[in-house]
């Protein structure tokens, strides 16, 4: 689109903004990077000089927020970089992404945080917010200087990929979270029970001859962390919930008033352990894909607000990381660019209302982050113009060769999905635009 001004009218779209209770046809005016006007009827906005993007037949909503992704930089640039990761995020409709600290060196000091923020400011096309380490070097032995990391701009703390095994250290981290007002995100895994495990423990793992990972390995640490959160009053966030038992534990904890939030990934909501049949290494992820019963429990958890948000756990890998024996293949799925398409299957099947899905990707993660980086997850007047526009019924086939991400590792390669991001705006700037004929026809120049 040839921009003629710094003002853009998104016209006649189906605006869904759960933060304001909006679910109507309307138009949105963006001026100087902020939402300046919103009307739920087809009227002319109070300004004449603007470019027009017709969103007729499309959903217009706040930009998606991902509280859990891996951008790999510094140290693993062959897998992903901040620039490629942010471009992939924009293609998936994400305007704010929070990157985990399992880099090399890890994000355990102010210099490392400053590096990520600098790279994001100069090369990123969406907001990139860093998550700092809980422990120095992610070794689980000594706390980082969490106060300095908070001052440097982290939005949470995690040793993601390496659970905090030491209960005393986890207690201390949760105590600090009270003073800092930032959540502690833990990857819940009892490694004594998962050592050597390759997939969910069950009939399929036995048939394939692969060592299983029991659901109990997750639930033991979830239970411990909930007990510590109750003891300390700290802010706990549980990453990538994958089992029915974990959902039940979180439900009971919330009823008791424990400060806990939780996330679930698109792949744990839509894919089962059966994807591993054939030894597809692209379906190897940690925690592993579970059962249909687990999926139903997590969908119900979303409906009840037991699970607060959806986060991708975008984990890009090189071809060599996945084109190998299943037992040595890296765990993880490149998830930015397929997230909406896979999640929309829940809407089309009647399992999840569209407004609930959008809330779990926008205003709900914004609540966890807070207002430190501005008002996120809303189309309110004066808020940053972070906007996602998508076609809810558009059919498309996943072609990893077109991914912006360096990571092509997804078990959805070649799959037909329904629901596609057409445009993403970050602070009013077009971060992504679908080049299909249908979108071009909808843009007025």
Protein backbone atom coordinates (compact mmCIF):
# COMPACT_ATOMS: atom_id res chain seq x y z
CA UNK A 1 0.00 0.00 0.00
CA UNK A 2 1.40 3.43 -0.99
CA UNK A 3 1.09 5.51 2.17
CA UNK A 4 0.03 9.12 1.53
CA UNK A 5 -0.29 10.19 5.13
CA UNK A 6 0.36 9.04 8.68
CA UNK A 7 -3.36 8.37 9.07
CA UNK A 8 -5.11 5.15 8.09
CA UNK A 9 -8.79 4.29 8.10
CA UNK A 10 -9.61 0.60 8.52
CA UNK A 11 -13.11 0.60 7.11
CA UNK A 12 -16.17 -1.58 7.64
CA UNK A 13 -14.50 -4.50 9.42
CA UNK A 14 -15.98 -6.80 12.02
CA UNK A 15 -14.36 -5.24 15.09
CA UNK A 16 -13.90 -7.60 18.03
CA UNK A 17 -12.24 -6.09 21.08
CA UNK A 18 -12.94 -8.10 24.24
CA UNK A 19 -11.25 -5.43 26.40
CA UNK A 20 -14.12 -3.06 25.56
CA UNK A 21 -16.88 -5.56 24.89
CA UNK A 22 -17.01 -4.61 21.19
CA UNK A 23 -18.29 -7.17 18.68
CA UNK A 24 -19.77 -5.17 15.79
CA UNK A 25 -19.20 -3.93 12.26
CA UNK A 26 -17.37 -0.61 12.35
CA UNK A 27 -14.38 1.48 11.30
CA UNK A 28 -11.13 2.39 13.00
CA UNK A 29 -8.94 5.44 12.45
CA UNK A 30 -5.21 5.34 13.20
CA UNK A 31 -3.24 8.58 13.51
CA UNK A 32 0.45 8.95 14.40
CA UNK A 33 0.70 5.37 15.63
CA UNK A 34 -2.30 5.46 17.96
CA UNK A 35 -5.98 4.61 17.82
CA UNK A 36 -7.64 8.00 17.32
CA UNK A 37 -11.25 7.14 16.48
CA UNK A 38 -13.55 4.12 16.48
CA UNK A 39 -17.14 4.04 15.37
CA UNK A 40 -19.47 1.06 15.34
CA UNK A 41 -21.48 2.44 12.44
CA UNK A 42 -20.63 3.30 8.85
CA UNK A 43 -20.02 7.03 9.28
CA UNK A 44 -17.29 9.35 8.03
CA UNK A 45 -14.48 9.94 10.55
CA UNK A 46 -13.65 13.50 11.60
CA UNK A 47 -10.72 13.85 9.18
CA UNK A 48 -10.35 13.74 5.40
CA UNK A 49 -6.68 13.02 4.66
CA UNK A 50 -6.16 9.33 5.21
CA UNK A 51 -5.40 6.13 3.41
CA UNK A 52 -8.17 3.54 3.41
CA UNK A 53 -7.98 -0.19 4.00
CA UNK A 54 -11.32 -1.87 3.44
CA UNK A 55 -11.78 -4.69 5.95
CA UNK A 56 -15.18 -5.79 4.73
CA UNK A 57 -15.67 -9.47 5.56
CA UNK A 58 -12.60 -9.47 7.83
CA UNK A 59 -12.09 -9.50 11.60
CA UNK A 60 -10.33 -6.44 13.05
CA UNK A 61 -9.01 -6.96 16.57
CA UNK A 62 -6.19 -5.87 18.90
CA UNK A 63 -2.79 -7.23 17.92
CA UNK A 64 -2.06 -10.67 19.36
CA UNK A 65 0.31 -10.92 22.33
CA UNK A 66 2.58 -13.94 22.84
CA UNK A 67 3.92 -14.34 26.35
CA UNK A 68 6.19 -17.27 25.45
CA UNK A 69 8.48 -17.55 22.43
CA UNK A 70 12.08 -18.30 21.56
CA UNK A 71 13.96 -15.87 19.31
CA UNK A 72 17.31 -17.67 19.83
CA UNK A 73 19.43 -14.50 19.65
CA UNK A 74 22.10 -14.17 20.96
CA UNK A 75 23.92 -17.43 20.40
CA UNK A 76 21.69 -19.53 18.17
CA UNK A 77 21.23 -17.31 15.13
CA UNK A 78 21.24 -20.33 12.83
CA UNK A 79 17.82 -21.22 14.31
CA UNK A 80 16.26 -17.73 14.47
CA UNK A 81 17.09 -14.07 14.96
CA UNK A 82 15.12 -11.17 16.37
CA UNK A 83 14.48 -9.85 12.88
CA UNK A 84 13.30 -13.17 11.38
CA UNK A 85 11.34 -14.06 14.50
CA UNK A 86 9.57 -10.71 14.64
CA UNK A 87 8.68 -10.93 10.94
CA UNK A 88 7.26 -14.41 11.49
CA UNK A 89 5.31 -13.10 14.47
CA UNK A 90 3.81 -10.33 12.33
CA UNK A 91 2.74 -12.90 9.74
CA UNK A 92 0.93 -14.71 12.54
CA UNK A 93 -0.85 -11.56 13.74
CA UNK A 94 1.36 -11.00 16.79
CA UNK A 95 2.29 -7.42 17.62
CA UNK A 96 3.93 -8.10 20.99
CA UNK A 97 6.17 -11.09 21.68
CA UNK A 98 7.97 -11.97 24.90
CA UNK A 99 11.23 -13.84 24.35
CA UNK A 100 12.54 -16.50 26.71
CA UNK A 101 16.07 -16.20 28.13
CA UNK A 102 17.52 -19.58 27.09
CA UNK A 103 20.02 -17.93 24.76
CA UNK A 104 23.81 -18.04 24.75
CA UNK A 105 24.75 -16.16 26.84
CA UNK A 106 21.47 -16.37 28.76
CA UNK A 107 19.53 -13.22 29.59
CA UNK A 108 20.70 -13.08 33.20
CA UNK A 109 22.22 -9.58 33.35
CA UNK A 110 21.48 -6.03 32.28
CA UNK A 111 23.92 -6.06 29.34
CA UNK A 112 22.16 -9.07 27.81
CA UNK A 113 18.74 -7.44 28.24
CA UNK A 114 20.02 -4.20 26.71
CA UNK A 115 21.34 -6.15 23.71
CA UNK A 116 17.94 -7.73 23.02
CA UNK A 117 16.14 -4.42 23.43
CA UNK A 118 18.60 -2.66 21.11
CA UNK A 119 18.28 -5.34 18.42
CA UNK A 120 14.51 -5.26 18.73
CA UNK A 121 14.40 -1.47 18.40
CA UNK A 122 16.57 -1.40 15.26
CA UNK A 123 15.58 -4.66 13.52
CA UNK A 124 12.27 -5.88 14.92
CA UNK A 125 8.95 -5.13 13.24
CA UNK A 126 6.81 -5.78 16.35
CA UNK A 127 7.26 -5.16 20.07
CA UNK A 128 9.85 -7.55 21.57
CA UNK A 129 9.79 -7.76 25.37
CA UNK A 130 12.54 -9.73 27.15
CA UNK A 131 12.07 -12.24 29.95
CA UNK A 132 14.99 -12.48 32.38
CA UNK A 133 16.50 -15.56 33.99
CA UNK A 134 15.49 -16.69 37.46
CA UNK A 135 18.93 -18.13 38.19
CA UNK A 136 22.41 -17.17 37.05
CA UNK A 137 23.30 -19.05 33.90
CA UNK A 138 19.96 -20.86 34.21
CA UNK A 139 21.79 -23.34 36.41
CA UNK A 140 19.21 -23.35 39.19
CA UNK A 141 21.78 -22.61 41.88
CA UNK A 142 21.76 -18.86 42.61
CA UNK A 143 19.22 -16.13 41.92
CA UNK A 144 20.02 -13.44 39.40
CA UNK A 145 19.93 -9.79 40.48
CA UNK A 146 16.22 -9.68 39.82
CA UNK A 147 15.92 -6.04 40.85
CA UNK A 148 18.43 -4.93 38.22
CA UNK A 149 16.79 -7.09 35.58
CA UNK A 150 13.43 -5.53 36.42
CA UNK A 151 14.94 -2.06 36.08
CA UNK A 152 16.45 -3.12 32.74
CA UNK A 153 12.96 -3.84 31.43
CA UNK A 154 12.15 -7.54 31.75
CA UNK A 155 8.47 -8.38 32.02
CA UNK A 156 8.89 -11.68 33.89
CA UNK A 157 11.48 -14.22 35.07
CA UNK A 158 12.00 -17.79 33.86
CA UNK A 159 14.65 -20.47 33.41
CA UNK A 160 12.50 -21.87 30.60
CA UNK A 161 13.57 -25.27 29.32
CA UNK A 162 15.24 -25.88 32.67
CA UNK A 163 12.69 -26.05 35.48
CA UNK A 164 13.70 -24.62 38.83
CA UNK A 165 14.27 -27.91 40.62
CA UNK A 166 15.44 -26.40 43.91
CA UNK A 167 12.32 -25.63 45.95
CA UNK A 168 14.18 -23.17 48.18
CA UNK A 169 15.33 -21.20 45.15
CA UNK A 170 11.81 -21.20 43.71
CA UNK A 171 10.47 -19.93 47.02
CA UNK A 172 13.00 -17.08 47.01
CA UNK A 173 12.10 -16.16 43.44
CA UNK A 174 8.40 -16.03 44.28
CA UNK A 175 9.15 -13.85 47.32
CA UNK A 176 10.99 -11.39 45.08
CA UNK A 177 8.05 -11.40 42.67
CA UNK A 178 5.93 -9.83 45.39
CA UNK A 179 8.22 -6.80 45.67
CA UNK A 180 8.89 -6.47 41.94
CA UNK A 181 5.34 -7.09 40.76
CA UNK A 182 6.56 -9.41 37.99
CA UNK A 183 5.55 -13.05 37.49
CA UNK A 184 7.74 -16.11 37.85
CA UNK A 185 7.25 -18.40 34.85
CA UNK A 186 8.19 -22.01 35.41
CA UNK A 187 8.54 -24.91 33.00
CA UNK A 188 6.96 -27.59 35.16
CA UNK A 189 8.89 -30.83 34.70
CA UNK A 190 10.31 -33.31 37.19
CA UNK A 191 13.40 -34.31 35.21
CA UNK A 192 13.96 -37.40 37.31
CA UNK A 193 10.75 -38.73 35.77
CA UNK A 194 11.33 -37.48 32.22
CA UNK A 195 14.97 -38.45 31.71
CA UNK A 196 15.24 -40.28 28.41
CA UNK A 197 11.57 -39.66 27.61
CA UNK A 198 10.59 -38.96 24.01
CA UNK A 199 6.78 -38.58 23.94
CA UNK A 200 3.67 -38.93 26.08
CA UNK A 201 3.67 -42.13 28.11
CA UNK A 202 0.88 -44.44 26.98
CA UNK A 203 -0.20 -47.06 24.49
CA UNK A 204 1.30 -45.25 21.50
CA UNK A 205 4.73 -44.80 23.13
CA UNK A 206 4.72 -48.52 23.94
CA UNK A 207 3.77 -49.46 20.35
CA UNK A 208 6.48 -47.19 18.92
CA UNK A 209 9.10 -48.43 21.36
CA UNK A 210 9.77 -44.90 22.61
CA UNK A 211 10.33 -44.11 26.27
CA UNK A 212 7.35 -42.21 27.63
CA UNK A 213 6.99 -38.99 29.61
CA UNK A 214 4.24 -39.37 32.23
CA UNK A 215 1.73 -36.63 32.92
CA UNK A 216 2.73 -36.91 36.57
CA UNK A 217 6.12 -35.37 35.78
CA UNK A 218 4.37 -32.08 34.99
CA UNK A 219 1.77 -32.27 37.71
CA UNK A 220 4.25 -32.84 40.55
CA UNK A 221 6.00 -29.53 39.84
CA UNK A 222 2.72 -27.70 39.21
CA UNK A 223 1.54 -28.84 42.66
CA UNK A 224 4.82 -27.81 44.29
CA UNK A 225 4.82 -24.38 42.66
CA UNK A 226 1.21 -23.75 43.65
CA UNK A 227 2.06 -24.63 47.25
CA UNK A 228 5.01 -22.21 47.17
CA UNK A 229 2.86 -19.49 45.62
CA UNK A 230 0.38 -19.94 48.46
CA UNK A 231 3.18 -19.79 51.03
CA UNK A 232 4.80 -16.66 49.61
CA UNK A 233 1.88 -14.80 48.05
CA UNK A 234 4.06 -14.53 44.93
CA UNK A 235 2.98 -14.23 41.31
CA UNK A 236 3.24 -17.60 39.57
CA UNK A 237 2.69 -18.24 35.87
CA UNK A 238 2.67 -21.84 34.66
CA UNK A 239 4.01 -22.33 31.15
CA UNK A 240 2.56 -24.63 28.46
CA UNK A 241 0.04 -26.61 30.52
CA UNK A 242 -0.49 -29.98 28.85
CA UNK A 243 -2.40 -32.34 31.16
CA UNK A 244 -5.86 -32.74 32.62
CA UNK A 245 -4.33 -33.13 36.07
CA UNK A 246 -2.52 -29.78 35.80
CA UNK A 247 -5.78 -28.05 34.86
CA UNK A 248 -7.49 -29.56 37.91
CA UNK A 249 -4.67 -28.42 40.21
CA UNK A 250 -4.79 -24.85 38.86
CA UNK A 251 -8.59 -24.77 39.13
CA UNK A 252 -8.44 -25.71 42.82
CA UNK A 253 -5.65 -23.21 43.48
CA UNK A 254 -7.59 -20.34 41.93
CA UNK A 255 -10.62 -21.18 44.06
CA UNK A 256 -8.34 -20.82 47.11
CA UNK A 257 -7.20 -17.37 45.97
CA UNK A 258 -3.63 -18.35 45.03
CA UNK A 259 -2.03 -15.86 42.61
CA UNK A 260 -1.54 -18.07 39.58
CA UNK A 261 -1.99 -17.65 35.85
CA UNK A 262 -1.45 -20.28 33.19
CA UNK A 263 -1.00 -20.70 29.45
CA UNK A 264 -1.63 -23.37 26.86
CA UNK A 265 -0.12 -23.62 23.37
CA UNK A 266 -1.94 -24.00 20.04
CA UNK A 267 -0.36 -27.42 19.52
CA UNK A 268 -1.45 -28.70 22.92
CA UNK A 269 -4.98 -27.54 22.09
CA UNK A 270 -5.20 -29.10 18.63
CA UNK A 271 -2.73 -31.99 18.24
CA UNK A 272 -2.55 -35.33 20.03
CA UNK A 273 0.22 -37.86 20.60
CA UNK A 274 -0.96 -39.62 17.45
CA UNK A 275 1.02 -37.06 15.44
CA UNK A 276 4.17 -38.89 16.55
CA UNK A 277 3.12 -42.06 14.70
CA UNK A 278 5.60 -42.47 11.87
CA UNK A 279 8.31 -41.02 14.11
CA UNK A 280 7.70 -37.47 12.87
CA UNK A 281 10.35 -35.46 14.72
CA UNK A 282 8.42 -32.26 13.98
CA UNK A 283 5.83 -33.52 16.47
CA UNK A 284 8.45 -33.89 19.20
CA UNK A 285 7.88 -31.14 21.74
CA UNK A 286 8.36 -30.63 25.49
CA UNK A 287 5.97 -31.07 27.20
CA UNK A 288 4.87 -33.73 24.74
CA UNK A 289 1.64 -33.82 22.80
CA UNK A 290 -0.91 -35.56 25.01
CA UNK A 291 -4.32 -37.23 24.59
CA UNK A 292 -7.76 -36.12 23.38
CA UNK A 293 -8.92 -36.14 26.99
CA UNK A 294 -6.15 -33.72 27.95
CA UNK A 295 -7.09 -31.44 25.05
CA UNK A 296 -10.74 -31.35 26.14
CA UNK A 297 -9.67 -30.50 29.69
CA UNK A 298 -7.59 -27.57 28.45
CA UNK A 299 -10.36 -26.23 26.21
CA UNK A 300 -12.69 -26.36 29.20
CA UNK A 301 -9.99 -24.65 31.24
CA UNK A 302 -9.91 -21.78 28.75
CA UNK A 303 -13.69 -21.41 28.90
CA UNK A 304 -13.62 -21.29 32.71
CA UNK A 305 -10.63 -18.90 32.84
CA UNK A 306 -8.67 -21.57 34.69
CA UNK A 307 -6.18 -21.22 31.83
CA UNK A 308 -5.74 -17.50 31.25
CA UNK A 309 -4.00 -17.21 27.91
CA UNK A 310 -2.77 -18.92 24.76
CA UNK A 311 0.97 -18.65 24.04
CA UNK A 312 2.82 -20.21 21.11
CA UNK A 313 6.05 -21.47 22.70
CA UNK A 314 7.47 -20.74 19.21
CA UNK A 315 10.60 -22.92 19.12
CA UNK A 316 12.40 -22.73 15.75
CA UNK A 317 15.11 -25.27 14.91
CA UNK A 318 17.42 -25.97 12.00
CA UNK A 319 16.74 -28.76 9.53
CA UNK A 320 19.61 -30.75 11.04
CA UNK A 321 18.00 -30.52 14.50
CA UNK A 322 14.96 -32.40 13.21
CA UNK A 323 16.24 -34.57 10.32
CA UNK A 324 17.70 -37.20 12.61
CA UNK A 325 16.72 -40.14 14.79
CA UNK A 326 13.69 -39.35 16.94
CA UNK A 327 15.58 -40.01 20.17
CA UNK A 328 18.17 -37.29 19.49
CA UNK A 329 15.94 -34.77 17.69
CA UNK A 330 15.41 -31.38 19.30
CA UNK A 331 12.06 -30.64 20.91
CA UNK A 332 9.96 -27.76 19.64
CA UNK A 333 7.56 -26.45 17.01
CA UNK A 334 7.86 -23.28 14.93
CA UNK A 335 4.47 -21.85 15.83
CA UNK A 336 4.03 -18.16 15.00
CA UNK A 337 2.77 -18.51 11.45
CA UNK A 338 0.28 -21.36 12.00
CA UNK A 339 -1.11 -20.31 15.39
CA UNK A 340 -4.29 -18.58 14.21
CA UNK A 341 -5.10 -21.13 11.51
CA UNK A 342 -4.80 -24.05 13.91
CA UNK A 343 -6.70 -22.30 16.72
CA UNK A 344 -9.56 -21.33 14.42
CA UNK A 345 -10.33 -25.03 14.06
CA UNK A 346 -11.66 -24.84 17.64
CA UNK A 347 -13.95 -21.98 16.63
CA UNK A 348 -15.17 -23.65 13.44
CA UNK A 349 -15.88 -26.87 15.36
CA UNK A 350 -17.92 -24.97 17.94
CA UNK A 351 -15.54 -25.81 20.79
CA UNK A 352 -14.48 -22.24 21.59
CA UNK A 353 -16.24 -18.90 20.96
CA UNK A 354 -14.32 -16.53 18.69
CA UNK A 355 -14.46 -13.73 21.26
CA UNK A 356 -12.92 -16.04 23.87
CA UNK A 357 -10.12 -17.01 21.50
CA UNK A 358 -9.33 -13.37 20.74
CA UNK A 359 -9.40 -12.46 24.44
CA UNK A 360 -6.90 -15.22 25.23
CA UNK A 361 -4.57 -13.76 22.59
CA UNK A 362 -5.00 -10.07 23.43
CA UNK A 363 -6.39 -8.48 26.59
CA UNK A 364 -5.73 -11.46 28.87
CA UNK A 365 -1.95 -11.67 28.22
CA UNK A 366 -1.90 -7.85 28.43
CA UNK A 367 -3.15 -8.12 32.02
CA UNK A 368 -0.18 -10.33 32.92
CA UNK A 369 2.34 -7.96 31.32
CA UNK A 370 0.79 -4.83 32.80
CA UNK A 371 1.04 -1.24 31.51
CA UNK A 372 4.81 -0.86 31.79
CA UNK A 373 5.14 -0.89 27.99
CA UNK A 374 1.93 1.03 27.30
CA UNK A 375 -1.65 -0.07 26.94
CA UNK A 376 -1.59 -3.38 25.09
CA UNK A 377 -4.33 -5.74 23.93
CA UNK A 378 -6.97 -3.08 23.25
CA UNK A 379 -8.33 -0.81 20.53
CA UNK A 380 -9.17 1.90 23.06
CA UNK A 381 -8.74 5.51 21.95
CA UNK A 382 -5.17 6.62 22.63
CA UNK A 383 -3.77 3.08 22.80
CA UNK A 384 -0.88 2.05 20.50
CA UNK A 385 -2.28 1.09 17.10
CA UNK A 386 -1.41 -2.60 17.32
CA UNK A 387 -4.01 -4.23 15.11
CA UNK A 388 -4.54 -7.66 13.58
CA UNK A 389 -6.83 -8.19 10.59
CA UNK A 390 -7.75 -11.72 9.60
CA UNK A 391 -10.07 -13.69 7.36
CA UNK A 392 -11.82 -16.22 9.62
CA UNK A 393 -13.00 -18.49 6.80
CA UNK A 394 -10.08 -18.36 4.38
CA UNK A 395 -8.70 -21.78 3.45
CA UNK A 396 -4.95 -22.13 3.00
CA UNK A 397 -2.27 -24.81 3.02
CA UNK A 398 0.80 -24.60 5.24
CA UNK A 399 3.88 -24.18 3.04
CA UNK A 400 6.97 -23.92 5.23
CA UNK A 401 9.10 -22.68 2.34
CA UNK A 402 7.22 -19.38 2.59
CA UNK A 403 7.78 -19.00 6.35
CA UNK A 404 9.50 -15.81 7.49
CA UNK A 405 10.89 -17.81 10.41
CA UNK A 406 14.14 -19.68 9.94
CA UNK A 407 12.44 -22.58 11.68
CA UNK A 408 10.46 -24.73 9.26
CA UNK A 409 9.82 -27.37 11.92
CA UNK A 410 6.09 -27.95 12.18
CA UNK A 411 3.96 -31.10 12.04
CA UNK A 412 1.39 -28.98 10.18
CA UNK A 413 3.45 -28.75 6.99
CA UNK A 414 1.10 -29.50 4.07
CA UNK A 415 -2.01 -29.27 6.26
CA UNK A 416 -5.10 -27.36 5.20
CA UNK A 417 -6.12 -24.67 7.70
CA UNK A 418 -9.07 -22.28 7.80
CA UNK A 419 -8.47 -18.76 9.09
CA UNK A 420 -5.61 -16.55 7.93
CA UNK A 421 -3.96 -13.30 8.98
CA UNK A 422 -4.27 -10.70 6.23
CA UNK A 423 -2.53 -7.70 7.79
CA UNK A 424 -0.73 -6.76 10.99
CA UNK A 425 -0.06 -3.21 12.16
CA UNK A 426 2.42 -2.38 14.91
CA UNK A 427 2.12 1.15 16.26
CA UNK A 428 0.22 2.07 13.13
CA UNK A 429 2.85 0.77 10.73
CA UNK A 430 2.14 -2.12 8.40
CA UNK A 431 4.31 -4.94 9.75
CA UNK A 432 2.78 -7.54 7.46
CA UNK A 433 0.37 -7.63 4.53
CA UNK A 434 -0.80 -10.75 2.78
CA UNK A 435 0.05 -10.56 -0.92
CA UNK A 436 -2.89 -12.64 -2.11
CA UNK A 437 -5.26 -11.27 -4.72
CA UNK A 438 -8.12 -11.11 -2.22
CA UNK A 439 -6.30 -8.68 0.06
CA UNK A 440 -5.18 -6.48 -2.83
CA UNK A 441 -8.78 -6.17 -3.92
CA UNK A 442 -9.72 -4.96 -0.46
CA UNK A 443 -7.17 -2.15 -0.27
CA UNK A 444 -8.25 1.27 -1.52
CA UNK A 445 -5.36 3.43 -2.63
